[in-house]
Amino acid sequence: MQNKIVMVTGATDGIGKVTARVLVEKGAQVIVVGRNRAKTEKTVAEIKQKTGRESVDYLLADFASPTEIHQLATQFQARYDRLDVLVNNAGTMMISRKETADHLETTFAVNHLGPFLLTNLLLDLIKASAPARIVNVSSGAHKGQALDFDDLQMERSYQGMVAYGRSKLANLYFTYELARQLAGTGVTVNALHPGFVATNLGSDNIPLIGGLVKRVINLVAMNVEKGAQTSIYLASAPEVDGVTGKYFVDCRPVSSSPVSYDETAARRLWQISEALTGLAT
């Protein structure tokens, strides 16, 4: 990873933070993306202290805000002339339905539309940096889910885990469709399930509920060091050079749900996502 430039979103907590730190240890120049300035600056300072390296910087963006994602992409391109690896790790899970300022359901907006928009805004730079990699953090929670294209925002009926699972299915549709579009460019796109990891994923909810969820998770989940291993592997391992359009668990390619391979649904979601993010021409 020497001289590689890597962006890791959602890198102030959990597996994103570990991923960023380990890639710095491997010699990469890592850009940590967070939404809170103080927390992000603290993360950068911790990584520098733990690694003894200065090759870590940060940018800010709330993935519920398309405006901030556009600013993130613009600021990145003003500072850097290449992007070798993009790790789309930022995510959330809302127990009760909430909307962003743009009136989109928050879990869908942050987990799918945010990385969809950022990746597309940076795609020309990533292609110019080939061989390059895009790594999307999905989840085994996608299994058993299907998108309701008549109610993508889940206005009629909302369940937190269903919304989360559907957003992670959307990550797979995005991964597989983007891999098809990028065939022959030297840019690979893969997705992963990190495992059931103790993170701050539920921290955006009501504090009591979020706290209870976190305590239960901490009793049964793996630690973030182990949970980050597949993200790190896909971002850096030489043995996955040229591997694209796959879903990995425990650093091995496995099959995702049968529904996730529906190319018609993937193309339909892509078109809707372009419209919702303003990318449609």
C-alpha atoms as a PDB file:
ATOM      1  CA  MET A   1       0.000   0.000   0.000  1.00  0.00           C
ATOM      2  CA  GLN A   2       3.021   2.319  -0.211  1.00  0.00           C
ATOM      3  CA  ASN A   3       2.059   5.597  -1.893  1.00  0.00           C
ATOM      4  CA  LYS A   4      -1.565   4.476  -2.333  1.00  0.00           C
ATOM      5  CA  ILE A   5      -4.227   7.079  -1.619  1.00  0.00           C
ATOM      6  CA  VAL A   6      -7.235   5.646   0.220  1.00  0.00           C
ATOM      7  CA  MET A   7     -10.500   7.199   1.398  1.00  0.00           C
ATOM      8  CA  VAL A   8     -12.421   5.484   4.204  1.00  0.00           C
ATOM      9  CA  THR A   9     -15.864   6.868   5.002  1.00  0.00           C
ATOM     10  CA  GLY A  10     -17.441   6.484   8.421  1.00  0.00           C
ATOM     11  CA  ALA A  11     -13.924   6.143   9.788  1.00  0.00           C
ATOM     12  CA  THR A  12     -14.292   7.697  13.243  1.00  0.00           C
ATOM     13  CA  ASP A  13     -15.785   4.566  14.820  1.00  0.00           C
ATOM     14  CA  GLY A  14     -15.858   0.806  14.621  1.00  0.00           C
ATOM     15  CA  ILE A  15     -14.530  -1.096  11.648  1.00  0.00           C
ATOM     16  CA  GLY A  16     -13.994   2.074   9.626  1.00  0.00           C
ATOM     17  CA  LYS A  17     -11.584   3.421  12.223  1.00  0.00           C
ATOM     18  CA  VAL A  18      -9.675   0.132  12.379  1.00  0.00           C
ATOM     19  CA  THR A  19      -9.589  -0.091   8.586  1.00  0.00           C
ATOM     20  CA  ALA A  20      -8.138   3.407   8.326  1.00  0.00           C
ATOM     21  CA  ARG A  21      -5.496   2.727  10.988  1.00  0.00           C
ATOM     22  CA  VAL A  22      -4.330  -0.578   9.516  1.00  0.00           C
ATOM     23  CA  LEU A  23      -4.090   0.851   6.000  1.00  0.00           C
ATOM     24  CA  VAL A  24      -1.940   3.677   7.375  1.00  0.00           C
ATOM     25  CA  GLU A  25       0.236   1.018   9.026  1.00  0.00           C
ATOM     26  CA  LYS A  26       0.544  -0.660   5.622  1.00  0.00           C
ATOM     27  CA  GLY A  27       1.932   2.562   4.148  1.00  0.00           C
ATOM     28  CA  ALA A  28      -1.121   4.167   2.541  1.00  0.00           C
ATOM     29  CA  GLN A  29      -2.038   7.842   2.639  1.00  0.00           C
ATOM     30  CA  VAL A  30      -5.502   7.602   4.214  1.00  0.00           C
ATOM     31  CA  ILE A  31      -8.251  10.203   4.210  1.00  0.00           C
ATOM     32  CA  VAL A  32     -10.594   9.668   7.145  1.00  0.00           C
ATOM     33  CA  VAL A  33     -14.150  10.856   6.490  1.00  0.00           C
ATOM     34  CA  GLY A  34     -16.360  11.735   9.459  1.00  0.00           C
ATOM     35  CA  ARG A  35     -19.240  14.077  10.114  1.00  0.00           C
ATOM     36  CA  ASN A  36     -18.157  15.613  13.427  1.00  0.00           C
ATOM     37  CA  ARG A  37     -15.032  17.779  13.252  1.00  0.00           C
ATOM     38  CA  ALA A  38     -13.846  17.281  16.835  1.00  0.00           C
ATOM     39  CA  LYS A  39     -14.340  13.511  16.704  1.00  0.00           C
ATOM     40  CA  THR A  40     -12.685  13.252  13.302  1.00  0.00           C
ATOM     41  CA  GLU A  41      -9.679  15.315  14.395  1.00  0.00           C
ATOM     42  CA  LYS A  42      -9.364  13.119  17.496  1.00  0.00           C
ATOM     43  CA  THR A  43      -9.432   9.998  15.311  1.00  0.00           C
ATOM     44  CA  VAL A  44      -6.675  11.336  13.075  1.00  0.00           C
ATOM     45  CA  ALA A  45      -4.555  12.205  16.123  1.00  0.00           C
ATOM     46  CA  GLU A  46      -5.079   8.697  17.553  1.00  0.00           C
ATOM     47  CA  ILE A  47      -4.095   7.033  14.285  1.00  0.00           C
ATOM     48  CA  LYS A  48      -0.952   9.147  14.050  1.00  0.00           C
ATOM     49  CA  GLN A  49      -0.052   8.303  17.643  1.00  0.00           C
ATOM     50  CA  LYS A  50      -0.680   4.559  17.274  1.00  0.00           C
ATOM     51  CA  THR A  51       1.046   4.149  13.920  1.00  0.00           C
ATOM     52  CA  GLY A  52       3.849   6.658  14.290  1.00  0.00           C
ATOM     53  CA  ARG A  53       2.975   7.893  10.810  1.00  0.00           C
ATOM     54  CA  GLU A  54       1.755  11.248   9.533  1.00  0.00           C
ATOM     55  CA  SER A  55       0.118   9.875   6.376  1.00  0.00           C
ATOM     56  CA  VAL A  56      -3.479  10.437   7.492  1.00  0.00           C
ATOM     57  CA  ASP A  57      -5.744  13.383   6.784  1.00  0.00           C
ATOM     58  CA  TYR A  58      -9.462  14.021   7.110  1.00  0.00           C
ATOM     59  CA  LEU A  59     -12.475  15.503   5.354  1.00  0.00           C
ATOM     60  CA  LEU A  60     -15.959  16.079   6.715  1.00  0.00           C
ATOM     61  CA  ALA A  61     -19.375  15.056   5.379  1.00  0.00           C
ATOM     62  CA  ASP A  62     -22.730  13.959   6.725  1.00  0.00           C
ATOM     63  CA  PHE A  63     -23.925  11.203   4.387  1.00  0.00           C
ATOM     64  CA  ALA A  64     -27.515  12.277   4.918  1.00  0.00           C
ATOM     65  CA  SER A  65     -26.663  15.496   3.011  1.00  0.00           C
ATOM     66  CA  PRO A  66     -26.038  15.415  -0.755  1.00  0.00           C
ATOM     67  CA  THR A  67     -24.667  18.949  -0.504  1.00  0.00           C
ATOM     68  CA  GLU A  68     -21.986  17.836   1.953  1.00  0.00           C
ATOM     69  CA  ILE A  69     -21.142  14.806  -0.204  1.00  0.00           C
ATOM     70  CA  HIS A  70     -20.629  17.113  -3.196  1.00  0.00           C
ATOM     71  CA  GLN A  71     -18.394  19.314  -1.045  1.00  0.00           C
ATOM     72  CA  LEU A  72     -16.444  16.250   0.086  1.00  0.00           C
ATOM     73  CA  ALA A  73     -15.793  15.171  -3.497  1.00  0.00           C
ATOM     74  CA  THR A  74     -14.803  18.684  -4.547  1.00  0.00           C
ATOM     75  CA  GLN A  75     -12.441  19.137  -1.591  1.00  0.00           C
ATOM     76  CA  PHE A  76     -10.847  15.746  -2.158  1.00  0.00           C
ATOM     77  CA  GLN A  77     -10.178  16.448  -5.826  1.00  0.00           C
ATOM     78  CA  ALA A  78      -8.675  19.832  -4.949  1.00  0.00           C
ATOM     79  CA  ARG A  79      -6.136  18.134  -2.644  1.00  0.00           C
ATOM     80  CA  TYR A  80      -5.389  14.875  -4.427  1.00  0.00           C
ATOM     81  CA  ASP A  81      -4.791  13.895  -8.031  1.00  0.00           C
ATOM     82  CA  ARG A  82      -5.640  10.205  -7.630  1.00  0.00           C
ATOM     83  CA  LEU A  83      -7.732   7.777  -5.565  1.00  0.00           C
ATOM     84  CA  ASP A  84      -6.483   4.209  -5.460  1.00  0.00           C
ATOM     85  CA  VAL A  85      -9.019   2.782  -3.007  1.00  0.00           C
ATOM     86  CA  LEU A  86     -12.439   4.003  -1.884  1.00  0.00           C
ATOM     87  CA  VAL A  87     -13.923   2.176   1.113  1.00  0.00           C
ATOM     88  CA  ASN A  88     -17.623   2.998   1.419  1.00  0.00           C
ATOM     89  CA  ASN A  89     -18.089   2.177   5.097  1.00  0.00           C
ATOM     90  CA  ALA A  90     -20.343   4.934   6.476  1.00  0.00           C
ATOM     91  CA  GLY A  91     -23.724   3.677   7.609  1.00  0.00           C
ATOM     92  CA  THR A  92     -26.572   3.970  10.063  1.00  0.00           C
ATOM     93  CA  MET A  93     -29.626   2.105  11.314  1.00  0.00           C
ATOM     94  CA  MET A  94     -32.716   3.965  12.462  1.00  0.00           C
ATOM     95  CA  ILE A  95     -35.079   2.109  14.778  1.00  0.00           C
ATOM     96  CA  SER A  96     -37.900   4.555  14.055  1.00  0.00           C
ATOM     97  CA  ARG A  97     -38.487   6.167  10.667  1.00  0.00           C
ATOM     98  CA  LYS A  98     -36.777   9.514  10.168  1.00  0.00           C
ATOM     99  CA  GLU A  99     -36.271  11.646   7.103  1.00  0.00           C
ATOM    100  CA  THR A 100     -33.315  13.680   5.927  1.00  0.00           C
ATOM    101  CA  ALA A 101     -33.599  17.388   5.079  1.00  0.00           C
ATOM    102  CA  ASP A 102     -34.372  16.253   1.519  1.00  0.00           C
ATOM    103  CA  HIS A 103     -37.344  14.171   2.749  1.00  0.00           C
ATOM    104  CA  LEU A 104     -35.687  10.811   2.124  1.00  0.00           C
ATOM    105  CA  GLU A 105     -35.814   7.916   4.572  1.00  0.00           C
ATOM    106  CA  THR A 106     -32.558   8.223   6.514  1.00  0.00           C
ATOM    107  CA  THR A 107     -31.290   4.629   6.469  1.00  0.00           C
ATOM    108  CA  PHE A 108     -31.770   4.351   2.697  1.00  0.00           C
ATOM    109  CA  ALA A 109     -30.251   7.795   2.147  1.00  0.00           C
ATOM    110  CA  VAL A 110     -27.134   7.271   4.279  1.00  0.00           C
ATOM    111  CA  ASN A 111     -26.444   3.611   3.522  1.00  0.00           C
ATOM    112  CA  HIS A 112     -27.198   3.562  -0.192  1.00  0.00           C
ATOM    113  CA  LEU A 113     -27.679   6.968  -1.765  1.00  0.00           C
ATOM    114  CA  GLY A 114     -24.689   8.490   0.036  1.00  0.00           C
ATOM    115  CA  PRO A 115     -22.072   6.012  -1.218  1.00  0.00           C
ATOM    116  CA  PHE A 116     -23.796   5.859  -4.607  1.00  0.00           C
ATOM    117  CA  LEU A 117     -23.429   9.620  -4.992  1.00  0.00           C
ATOM    118  CA  LEU A 118     -19.879   9.863  -3.648  1.00  0.00           C
ATOM    119  CA  THR A 119     -18.615   6.996  -5.796  1.00  0.00           C
ATOM    120  CA  ASN A 120     -20.106   8.463  -8.944  1.00  0.00           C
ATOM    121  CA  LEU A 121     -18.707  11.925  -8.187  1.00  0.00           C
ATOM    122  CA  LEU A 122     -15.216  10.442  -7.771  1.00  0.00           C
ATOM    123  CA  LEU A 123     -15.506   7.817 -10.498  1.00  0.00           C
ATOM    124  CA  ASP A 124     -13.553   9.628 -13.215  1.00  0.00           C
ATOM    125  CA  LEU A 125     -10.668  10.149 -10.789  1.00  0.00           C
ATOM    126  CA  ILE A 126     -10.804   6.510  -9.666  1.00  0.00           C
ATOM    127  CA  LYS A 127     -10.756   5.293 -13.281  1.00  0.00           C
ATOM    128  CA  ALA A 128      -7.801   7.562 -14.022  1.00  0.00           C
ATOM    129  CA  SER A 129      -6.014   5.963 -11.045  1.00  0.00           C
ATOM    130  CA  ALA A 130      -6.468   2.380 -12.287  1.00  0.00           C
ATOM    131  CA  PRO A 131      -5.698  -0.208 -11.151  1.00  0.00           C
ATOM    132  CA  ALA A 132      -8.003   0.943  -8.367  1.00  0.00           C
ATOM    133  CA  ARG A 133     -10.521  -0.574  -5.981  1.00  0.00           C
ATOM    134  CA  ILE A 134     -13.947   0.270  -4.595  1.00  0.00           C
ATOM    135  CA  VAL A 135     -14.993  -1.591  -1.452  1.00  0.00           C
ATOM    136  CA  ASN A 136     -18.620  -1.458  -0.290  1.00  0.00           C
ATOM    137  CA  VAL A 137     -19.523  -2.546   3.230  1.00  0.00           C
ATOM    138  CA  SER A 138     -22.806  -4.425   2.945  1.00  0.00           C
ATOM    139  CA  SER A 139     -24.183  -6.930   5.467  1.00  0.00           C
ATOM    140  CA  GLY A 140     -25.620 -10.401   5.825  1.00  0.00           C
ATOM    141  CA  ALA A 141     -28.764  -8.535   6.890  1.00  0.00           C
ATOM    142  CA  HIS A 142     -29.588  -8.252   3.174  1.00  0.00           C
ATOM    143  CA  LYS A 143     -30.674 -11.894   3.147  1.00  0.00           C
ATOM    144  CA  GLY A 144     -34.415 -12.436   3.131  1.00  0.00           C
ATOM    145  CA  GLN A 145     -35.028  -8.874   1.954  1.00  0.00           C
ATOM    146  CA  ALA A 146     -36.409  -7.496  -1.297  1.00  0.00           C
ATOM    147  CA  LEU A 147     -36.808  -3.908  -2.395  1.00  0.00           C
ATOM    148  CA  ASP A 148     -40.334  -2.555  -2.697  1.00  0.00           C
ATOM    149  CA  PHE A 149     -39.922  -0.207  -5.641  1.00  0.00           C
ATOM    150  CA  ASP A 150     -43.382   1.213  -4.975  1.00  0.00           C
ATOM    151  CA  ASP A 151     -42.321   2.217  -1.458  1.00  0.00           C
ATOM    152  CA  LEU A 152     -38.528   2.589  -1.374  1.00  0.00           C
ATOM    153  CA  GLN A 153     -38.841   5.203   1.363  1.00  0.00           C
ATOM    154  CA  MET A 154     -40.923   2.820   3.511  1.00  0.00           C
ATOM    155  CA  GLU A 155     -43.663   5.374   4.109  1.00  0.00           C
ATOM    156  CA  ARG A 156     -46.414   2.770   4.359  1.00  0.00           C
ATOM    157  CA  SER A 157     -44.712   0.482   6.844  1.00  0.00           C
ATOM    158  CA  TYR A 158     -41.395   0.868   8.639  1.00  0.00           C
ATOM    159  CA  GLN A 159     -39.287  -1.566  10.636  1.00  0.00           C
ATOM    160  CA  GLY A 160     -35.731  -0.608  11.504  1.00  0.00           C
ATOM    161  CA  MET A 161     -34.078  -3.929  10.691  1.00  0.00           C
ATOM    162  CA  VAL A 162     -36.046  -4.306   7.461  1.00  0.00           C
ATOM    163  CA  ALA A 163     -34.965  -0.826   6.366  1.00  0.00           C
ATOM    164  CA  TYR A 164     -31.376  -1.674   7.225  1.00  0.00           C
ATOM    165  CA  GLY A 165     -31.484  -5.014   5.406  1.00  0.00           C
ATOM    166  CA  ARG A 166     -32.986  -3.415   2.306  1.00  0.00           C
ATOM    167  CA  SER A 167     -30.307  -0.721   2.285  1.00  0.00           C
ATOM    168  CA  LYS A 168     -27.653  -3.430   2.428  1.00  0.00           C
ATOM    169  CA  LEU A 169     -29.348  -5.258  -0.458  1.00  0.00           C
ATOM    170  CA  ALA A 170     -29.170  -1.937  -2.316  1.00  0.00           C
ATOM    171  CA  ASN A 171     -25.410  -1.912  -1.643  1.00  0.00           C
ATOM    172  CA  LEU A 172     -25.154  -5.242  -3.459  1.00  0.00           C
ATOM    173  CA  TYR A 173     -27.238  -4.110  -6.420  1.00  0.00           C
ATOM    174  CA  PHE A 174     -24.960  -1.075  -6.647  1.00  0.00           C
ATOM    175  CA  THR A 175     -21.805  -3.186  -6.357  1.00  0.00           C
ATOM    176  CA  TYR A 176     -22.788  -5.697  -9.022  1.00  0.00           C
ATOM    177  CA  GLU A 177     -24.129  -3.105 -11.470  1.00  0.00           C
ATOM    178  CA  LEU A 178     -21.080  -0.865 -11.048  1.00  0.00           C
ATOM    179  CA  ALA A 179     -18.776  -3.852 -11.581  1.00  0.00           C
ATOM    180  CA  ARG A 180     -20.566  -4.575 -14.854  1.00  0.00           C
ATOM    181  CA  GLN A 181     -20.232  -0.952 -15.956  1.00  0.00           C
ATOM    182  CA  LEU A 182     -16.530  -0.822 -15.058  1.00  0.00           C
ATOM    183  CA  ALA A 183     -15.541  -4.056 -16.773  1.00  0.00           C
ATOM    184  CA  GLY A 184     -12.225  -3.583 -18.555  1.00  0.00           C
ATOM    185  CA  THR A 185     -11.349  -0.283 -16.851  1.00  0.00           C
ATOM    186  CA  GLY A 186      -8.960  -1.705 -14.259  1.00  0.00           C
ATOM    187  CA  VAL A 187     -11.276  -0.638 -11.431  1.00  0.00           C
ATOM    188  CA  THR A 188     -12.650  -3.439  -9.264  1.00  0.00           C
ATOM    189  CA  VAL A 189     -15.764  -3.234  -7.095  1.00  0.00           C
ATOM    190  CA  ASN A 190     -16.534  -5.706  -4.331  1.00  0.00           C
ATOM    191  CA  ALA A 191     -18.860  -5.865  -1.333  1.00  0.00           C
ATOM    192  CA  LEU A 192     -18.537  -7.549   2.028  1.00  0.00           C
ATOM    193  CA  HIS A 193     -20.283  -8.656   5.175  1.00  0.00           C
ATOM    194  CA  PRO A 194     -18.045  -7.705   8.127  1.00  0.00           C
ATOM    195  CA  GLY A 195     -19.741 -10.079  10.540  1.00  0.00           C
ATOM    196  CA  PHE A 196     -21.864  -9.214  13.546  1.00  0.00           C
ATOM    197  CA  VAL A 197     -19.659  -6.502  14.999  1.00  0.00           C
ATOM    198  CA  ALA A 198     -19.861  -4.386  18.155  1.00  0.00           C
ATOM    199  CA  THR A 199     -20.084  -0.857  16.711  1.00  0.00           C
ATOM    200  CA  ASN A 200     -21.925   2.433  17.281  1.00  0.00           C
ATOM    201  CA  LEU A 201     -24.314   1.715  14.405  1.00  0.00           C
ATOM    202  CA  GLY A 202     -27.441   2.368  16.492  1.00  0.00           C
ATOM    203  CA  SER A 203     -26.176   5.526  18.136  1.00  0.00           C
ATOM    204  CA  ASP A 204     -28.339   7.852  16.017  1.00  0.00           C
ATOM    205  CA  ASN A 205     -31.474   6.565  17.728  1.00  0.00           C
ATOM    206  CA  ILE A 206     -33.094   7.622  20.971  1.00  0.00           C
ATOM    207  CA  PRO A 207     -30.266   7.412  23.550  1.00  0.00           C
ATOM    208  CA  LEU A 208     -32.000   4.855  25.778  1.00  0.00           C
ATOM    209  CA  ILE A 209     -32.873   2.527  22.923  1.00  0.00           C
ATOM    210  CA  GLY A 210     -29.467   2.988  21.317  1.00  0.00           C
ATOM    211  CA  GLY A 211     -27.763   2.266  24.636  1.00  0.00           C
ATOM    212  CA  LEU A 212     -29.760  -0.892  25.225  1.00  0.00           C
ATOM    213  CA  VAL A 213     -29.055  -2.123  21.706  1.00  0.00           C
ATOM    214  CA  LYS A 214     -25.351  -1.415  22.124  1.00  0.00           C
ATOM    215  CA  ARG A 215     -25.129  -3.293  25.433  1.00  0.00           C
ATOM    216  CA  VAL A 216     -26.835  -6.365  23.964  1.00  0.00           C
ATOM    217  CA  ILE A 217     -24.625  -6.236  20.865  1.00  0.00           C
ATOM    218  CA  ASN A 218     -21.470  -5.939  22.940  1.00  0.00           C
ATOM    219  CA  LEU A 219     -22.337  -9.170  24.745  1.00  0.00           C
ATOM    220  CA  VAL A 220     -22.557 -11.297  21.617  1.00  0.00           C
ATOM    221  CA  ALA A 221     -20.705  -9.519  18.808  1.00  0.00           C
ATOM    222  CA  MET A 222     -17.113  -9.821  17.604  1.00  0.00           C
ATOM    223  CA  ASN A 223     -14.733  -6.946  18.231  1.00  0.00           C
ATOM    224  CA  VAL A 224     -14.019  -4.295  15.636  1.00  0.00           C
ATOM    225  CA  GLU A 225     -10.476  -5.490  14.992  1.00  0.00           C
ATOM    226  CA  LYS A 226     -11.784  -8.797  13.652  1.00  0.00           C
ATOM    227  CA  GLY A 227     -14.762  -7.139  11.983  1.00  0.00           C
ATOM    228  CA  ALA A 228     -12.493  -4.892   9.908  1.00  0.00           C
ATOM    229  CA  GLN A 229     -10.416  -7.727   8.456  1.00  0.00           C
ATOM    230  CA  THR A 230     -12.436  -8.254   5.264  1.00  0.00           C
ATOM    231  CA  SER A 231     -12.533  -4.521   4.488  1.00  0.00           C
ATOM    232  CA  ILE A 232      -8.757  -4.363   4.940  1.00  0.00           C
ATOM    233  CA  TYR A 233      -8.299  -7.491   2.822  1.00  0.00           C
ATOM    234  CA  LEU A 234     -10.352  -6.144  -0.090  1.00  0.00           C
ATOM    235  CA  ALA A 235      -8.615  -2.768   0.096  1.00  0.00           C
ATOM    236  CA  SER A 236      -5.066  -4.095   0.160  1.00  0.00           C
ATOM    237  CA  ALA A 237      -4.554  -7.812  -0.549  1.00  0.00           C
ATOM    238  CA  PRO A 238      -2.639  -8.538  -3.781  1.00  0.00           C
ATOM    239  CA  GLU A 239      -4.520 -11.816  -4.251  1.00  0.00           C
ATOM    240  CA  VAL A 240      -7.741  -9.931  -5.080  1.00  0.00           C
ATOM    241  CA  ASP A 241      -6.135  -7.918  -7.880  1.00  0.00           C
ATOM    242  CA  GLY A 242      -8.588  -8.023 -10.769  1.00  0.00           C
ATOM    243  CA  VAL A 243     -11.347  -9.680  -8.726  1.00  0.00           C
ATOM    244  CA  THR A 244     -14.585  -7.758  -9.141  1.00  0.00           C
ATOM    245  CA  GLY A 245     -18.339  -8.035  -8.658  1.00  0.00           C
ATOM    246  CA  LYS A 246     -18.048 -10.382  -5.684  1.00  0.00           C
ATOM    247  CA  TYR A 247     -19.432 -10.575  -2.131  1.00  0.00           C
ATOM    248  CA  PHE A 248     -16.952 -11.530   0.582  1.00  0.00           C
ATOM    249  CA  VAL A 249     -17.353 -12.948   4.078  1.00  0.00           C
ATOM    250  CA  ASP A 250     -14.318 -13.741   6.243  1.00  0.00           C
ATOM    251  CA  CYS A 251     -12.029 -12.722   3.353  1.00  0.00           C
ATOM    252  CA  ARG A 252     -13.592 -15.302   1.026  1.00  0.00           C
ATOM    253  CA  PRO A 253     -16.006 -14.835  -1.889  1.00  0.00           C
ATOM    254  CA  VAL A 254     -19.426 -16.348  -1.173  1.00  0.00           C
ATOM    255  CA  SER A 255     -22.866 -16.145  -2.735  1.00  0.00           C
ATOM    256  CA  SER A 256     -25.178 -13.362  -1.641  1.00  0.00           C
ATOM    257  CA  SER A 257     -28.954 -13.848  -1.707  1.00  0.00           C
ATOM    258  CA  PRO A 258     -30.521 -14.978  -5.009  1.00  0.00           C
ATOM    259  CA  VAL A 259     -32.512 -11.725  -5.183  1.00  0.00           C
ATOM    260  CA  SER A 260     -29.289  -9.677  -5.110  1.00  0.00           C
ATOM    261  CA  TYR A 261     -28.280 -10.979  -8.551  1.00  0.00           C
ATOM    262  CA  ASP A 262     -31.391  -9.577 -10.274  1.00  0.00           C
ATOM    263  CA  GLU A 263     -29.840  -7.387 -12.979  1.00  0.00           C
ATOM    264  CA  THR A 264     -33.150  -5.788 -13.929  1.00  0.00           C
ATOM    265  CA  ALA A 265     -33.731  -4.673 -10.338  1.00  0.00           C
ATOM    266  CA  ALA A 266     -30.146  -3.412 -10.102  1.00  0.00           C
ATOM    267  CA  ARG A 267     -30.531  -1.282 -13.224  1.00  0.00           C
ATOM    268  CA  ARG A 268     -33.883   0.024 -12.008  1.00  0.00           C
ATOM    269  CA  LEU A 269     -32.399   0.987  -8.637  1.00  0.00           C
ATOM    270  CA  TRP A 270     -29.488   2.678 -10.405  1.00  0.00           C
ATOM    271  CA  GLN A 271     -31.844   4.846 -12.459  1.00  0.00           C
ATOM    272  CA  ILE A 272     -33.916   5.763  -9.411  1.00  0.00           C
ATOM    273  CA  SER A 273     -30.767   6.547  -7.441  1.00  0.00           C
ATOM    274  CA  GLU A 274     -29.503   8.811 -10.219  1.00  0.00           C
ATOM    275  CA  ALA A 275     -32.782  10.713 -10.072  1.00  0.00           C
ATOM    276  CA  LEU A 276     -32.857  10.963  -6.292  1.00  0.00           C
ATOM    277  CA  THR A 277     -29.242  12.186  -6.074  1.00  0.00           C
ATOM    278  CA  GLY A 278     -29.514  14.595  -8.994  1.00  0.00           C
ATOM    279  CA  LEU A 279     -27.013  12.664 -11.133  1.00  0.00           C
ATOM    280  CA  ALA A 280     -29.521  11.902 -13.903  1.00  0.00           C
ATOM    281  CA  THR A 281     -28.889  13.974 -16.995  1.00  0.00           C
END
